[in-house]
């Protein structure tokens, strides 16, 4: 069976994306970030592209650089968390990204704070503004009228045409979660250790409500 040239496919995707971004005069810096984000996500998903504009806008509103210690909340697990991870360096691994599965296409971003609450910026897709962009509006509403096979390129073009024009923002306050002190506890069910604050009764989550696997013989 012949091998698929994934490098060539990625190069074609990158060139096509750059051509569309050049057409809509996307800044070189944001272009680089979008290319990096697309590579991380593995393809230029519409939600990822919109997410790039959202994070870029939030950073500007905060007046902060991604080199600083930032904290993000994402209100959907789909596409959008990757934009925060790549562009704001808020990741699940560094414990600075929280995904709240509300189902809204929105993010909140704030800087480091030692207080109980802190000011943050929330950026979200404005439904009223979407009406100016019918292809995005159809896709965003998950309408059966959207056909990804025939409308994918139109959607991508409209996303770059719109940029921040479909977004809205608001100032909010968020709770600051202090780093928890913990000790290691052995679960009597599986014999593995977990932090004490993750114990459910006298068992770990894997032996309780968060169980997701069965041991095979």
Protein backbone atom coordinates (compact mmCIF):
# COMPACT_ATOMS: atom_id res chain seq x y z
CA UNK A 1 0.00 0.00 0.00
CA UNK A 2 1.53 3.38 -0.98
CA UNK A 3 2.41 5.79 1.82
CA UNK A 4 0.49 9.03 2.04
CA UNK A 5 2.71 12.11 1.86
CA UNK A 6 1.39 13.96 4.91
CA UNK A 7 4.19 16.54 4.69
CA UNK A 8 3.05 17.55 1.20
CA UNK A 9 -0.56 17.74 2.35
CA UNK A 10 0.43 19.95 5.29
CA UNK A 11 2.49 22.24 3.02
CA UNK A 12 -0.46 22.64 0.63
CA UNK A 13 -2.75 23.43 3.56
CA UNK A 14 -0.29 26.00 4.90
CA UNK A 15 0.09 27.72 1.52
CA UNK A 16 -3.67 27.84 0.97
CA UNK A 17 -4.23 29.27 4.44
CA UNK A 18 -1.55 31.92 3.90
CA UNK A 19 -3.11 32.94 0.59
CA UNK A 20 -6.51 33.53 2.23
CA UNK A 21 -4.94 35.43 5.14
CA UNK A 22 -2.92 37.62 2.76
CA UNK A 23 -6.10 38.42 0.83
CA UNK A 24 -7.72 39.70 4.02
CA UNK A 25 -4.59 41.53 5.23
CA UNK A 26 -4.07 39.50 8.41
CA UNK A 27 -0.96 40.77 10.20
CA UNK A 28 2.23 38.68 9.80
CA UNK A 29 2.39 38.05 13.56
CA UNK A 30 -1.17 36.74 13.73
CA UNK A 31 -0.59 34.71 10.58
CA UNK A 32 2.35 32.96 12.25
CA UNK A 33 0.24 32.24 15.33
CA UNK A 34 -2.62 30.87 13.23
CA UNK A 35 -0.26 28.60 11.30
CA UNK A 36 1.20 27.32 14.58
CA UNK A 37 -2.29 26.84 16.01
CA UNK A 38 -3.49 25.02 12.90
CA UNK A 39 -0.50 22.65 13.03
CA UNK A 40 -1.18 21.97 16.71
CA UNK A 41 -4.86 21.24 16.04
CA UNK A 42 -3.81 19.27 12.89
CA UNK A 43 -6.11 21.19 10.51
CA UNK A 44 -7.64 24.69 10.14
CA UNK A 45 -10.98 23.98 11.81
CA UNK A 46 -13.38 26.96 11.69
CA UNK A 47 -13.61 27.04 15.48
CA UNK A 48 -9.83 27.18 15.78
CA UNK A 49 -9.59 30.09 13.33
CA UNK A 50 -12.28 32.06 15.15
CA UNK A 51 -10.55 31.15 18.41
CA UNK A 52 -7.33 32.75 17.18
CA UNK A 53 -9.10 36.09 16.74
CA UNK A 54 -10.74 35.69 20.16
CA UNK A 55 -7.47 35.11 22.01
CA UNK A 56 -5.73 37.89 20.07
CA UNK A 57 -8.56 40.27 21.00
CA UNK A 58 -8.56 39.22 24.67
CA UNK A 59 -4.81 39.77 24.94
CA UNK A 60 -5.18 43.25 23.48
CA UNK A 61 -8.03 44.12 25.84
CA UNK A 62 -5.98 42.96 28.81
CA UNK A 63 -2.92 44.79 27.54
CA UNK A 64 -0.86 41.71 28.34
CA UNK A 65 1.69 39.61 26.51
CA UNK A 66 1.45 35.82 26.27
CA UNK A 67 4.92 35.78 27.81
CA UNK A 68 3.26 36.72 31.12
CA UNK A 69 1.53 34.23 33.41
CA UNK A 70 -2.04 34.11 32.15
CA UNK A 71 -5.06 32.05 33.14
CA UNK A 72 -7.85 31.07 30.80
CA UNK A 73 -11.33 29.62 31.03
CA UNK A 74 -12.94 28.09 27.97
CA UNK A 75 -16.69 27.49 27.86
CA UNK A 76 -16.53 24.65 25.34
CA UNK A 77 -14.20 21.66 24.93
CA UNK A 78 -14.40 21.96 21.13
CA UNK A 79 -11.57 23.64 19.20
CA UNK A 80 -11.36 26.76 21.36
CA UNK A 81 -9.11 25.36 24.14
CA UNK A 82 -6.33 24.87 21.60
CA UNK A 83 -6.27 28.60 20.82
CA UNK A 84 -5.71 29.40 24.49
CA UNK A 85 -3.02 26.75 24.78
CA UNK A 86 -1.02 27.85 21.75
CA UNK A 87 -1.49 31.62 21.80
CA UNK A 88 -1.83 32.43 25.52
CA UNK A 89 0.21 29.50 26.87
CA UNK A 90 -2.66 28.50 29.15
CA UNK A 91 -2.51 24.73 29.09
CA UNK A 92 -4.08 21.86 30.98
CA UNK A 93 -0.59 20.70 31.90
CA UNK A 94 0.50 23.97 33.52
CA UNK A 95 -2.88 24.15 35.30
CA UNK A 96 -3.70 27.54 33.83
CA UNK A 97 -6.53 26.41 31.57
CA UNK A 98 -9.95 25.43 32.84
CA UNK A 99 -12.57 24.02 30.48
CA UNK A 100 -16.14 24.56 31.66
CA UNK A 101 -18.41 22.57 29.31
CA UNK A 102 -21.26 25.09 29.17
CA UNK A 103 -21.48 24.84 25.39
CA UNK A 104 -20.85 28.52 24.64
CA UNK A 105 -18.14 29.67 22.24
CA UNK A 106 -16.48 31.99 24.73
CA UNK A 107 -13.24 32.46 26.64
CA UNK A 108 -12.17 34.39 29.71
CA UNK A 109 -8.59 35.50 30.25
CA UNK A 110 -6.86 37.11 33.21
CA UNK A 111 -3.42 37.75 34.58
CA UNK A 112 -1.84 36.40 37.75
CA UNK A 113 -3.34 37.61 41.05
CA UNK A 114 -2.79 36.88 44.73
CA UNK A 115 -6.27 38.09 45.68
CA UNK A 116 -9.46 36.00 46.02
CA UNK A 117 -10.94 37.47 42.83
CA UNK A 118 -9.46 39.35 39.91
CA UNK A 119 -10.55 41.32 36.86
CA UNK A 120 -10.72 39.41 33.61
CA UNK A 121 -11.90 39.83 30.04
CA UNK A 122 -14.55 37.59 28.50
CA UNK A 123 -14.72 37.37 24.71
CA UNK A 124 -17.58 35.63 22.94
CA UNK A 125 -19.28 35.26 19.56
CA UNK A 126 -22.03 37.87 19.19
CA UNK A 127 -25.08 36.29 17.56
CA UNK A 128 -26.42 39.61 16.27
CA UNK A 129 -23.11 40.37 14.51
CA UNK A 130 -23.13 36.95 12.87
CA UNK A 131 -26.11 37.97 10.73
CA UNK A 132 -23.75 40.05 8.60
CA UNK A 133 -21.85 36.87 7.74
CA UNK A 134 -24.41 34.32 6.49
CA UNK A 135 -22.03 31.38 5.95
CA UNK A 136 -20.55 31.65 9.45
CA UNK A 137 -24.05 32.12 10.83
CA UNK A 138 -25.28 28.94 9.11
CA UNK A 139 -22.27 26.92 10.28
CA UNK A 140 -22.41 28.29 13.83
CA UNK A 141 -26.10 27.41 14.17
CA UNK A 142 -25.32 23.84 13.07
CA UNK A 143 -27.94 24.31 10.39
CA UNK A 144 -28.56 21.52 7.86
CA UNK A 145 -28.21 24.25 5.23
CA UNK A 146 -24.47 24.23 5.83
CA UNK A 147 -22.67 21.71 3.60
CA UNK A 148 -19.02 21.35 4.58
CA UNK A 149 -18.17 19.74 1.23
CA UNK A 150 -19.32 22.72 -0.84
CA UNK A 151 -19.12 25.59 1.67
CA UNK A 152 -15.86 24.91 3.53
CA UNK A 153 -13.79 27.37 1.50
CA UNK A 154 -16.49 30.04 1.65
CA UNK A 155 -16.64 29.62 5.42
CA UNK A 156 -12.89 30.00 5.84
CA UNK A 157 -12.85 33.08 3.61
CA UNK A 158 -15.71 34.66 5.56
CA UNK A 159 -13.99 33.96 8.91
CA UNK A 160 -10.91 35.89 7.81
CA UNK A 161 -13.07 38.61 6.29
CA UNK A 162 -14.93 39.00 9.58
CA UNK A 163 -11.98 38.74 11.96
CA UNK A 164 -13.01 40.38 15.23
CA UNK A 165 -16.20 41.84 13.73
CA UNK A 166 -18.27 38.87 14.98
CA UNK A 167 -16.93 39.14 18.54
CA UNK A 168 -18.03 40.98 21.66
CA UNK A 169 -16.36 41.43 25.02
CA UNK A 170 -17.14 42.27 28.61
CA UNK A 171 -15.20 42.89 31.80
CA UNK A 172 -15.82 40.26 34.46
CA UNK A 173 -14.42 39.15 37.79
CA UNK A 174 -13.31 35.57 38.35
CA UNK A 175 -12.39 33.61 41.45
CA UNK A 176 -8.72 32.87 41.95
CA UNK A 177 -8.16 29.26 42.96
CA UNK A 178 -5.14 28.99 45.25
CA UNK A 179 -2.75 26.09 44.79
CA UNK A 180 -3.92 23.23 46.98
CA UNK A 181 -1.71 21.58 49.56
CA UNK A 182 -2.19 17.84 49.52
CA UNK A 183 -0.85 14.53 50.69
CA UNK A 184 -0.74 11.21 48.92
CA UNK A 185 -3.42 8.66 49.82
CA UNK A 186 -3.60 5.02 48.73
CA UNK A 187 -6.95 3.89 47.38
CA UNK A 188 -8.03 0.59 48.99
CA UNK A 189 -9.85 -0.42 45.83
CA UNK A 190 -7.06 -0.30 43.24
CA UNK A 191 -3.99 0.17 45.42
CA UNK A 192 -2.87 3.29 43.52
CA UNK A 193 -2.10 6.65 45.09
CA UNK A 194 -3.95 9.91 44.49
CA UNK A 195 -4.04 13.38 46.12
CA UNK A 196 -6.24 13.30 49.22
CA UNK A 197 -8.59 16.00 47.93
CA UNK A 198 -9.55 13.78 44.99
CA UNK A 199 -10.74 10.89 47.15
CA UNK A 200 -14.48 10.16 46.89
CA UNK A 201 -15.46 8.79 50.29
CA UNK A 202 -12.77 6.17 50.79
CA UNK A 203 -12.03 5.40 47.12
CA UNK A 204 -10.39 7.21 44.20
CA UNK A 205 -12.41 8.55 41.29
CA UNK A 206 -11.31 5.69 39.03
CA UNK A 207 -13.00 3.27 41.44
CA UNK A 208 -16.00 5.58 41.75
CA UNK A 209 -17.80 8.18 39.65
CA UNK A 210 -14.95 8.77 37.20
CA UNK A 211 -14.39 5.14 36.29
CA UNK A 212 -13.78 4.86 32.54
CA UNK A 213 -12.05 1.50 32.00
CA UNK A 214 -12.23 -2.18 32.86
CA UNK A 215 -9.06 -4.15 33.37
CA UNK A 216 -8.64 -6.83 30.73
CA UNK A 217 -7.31 -10.26 31.58
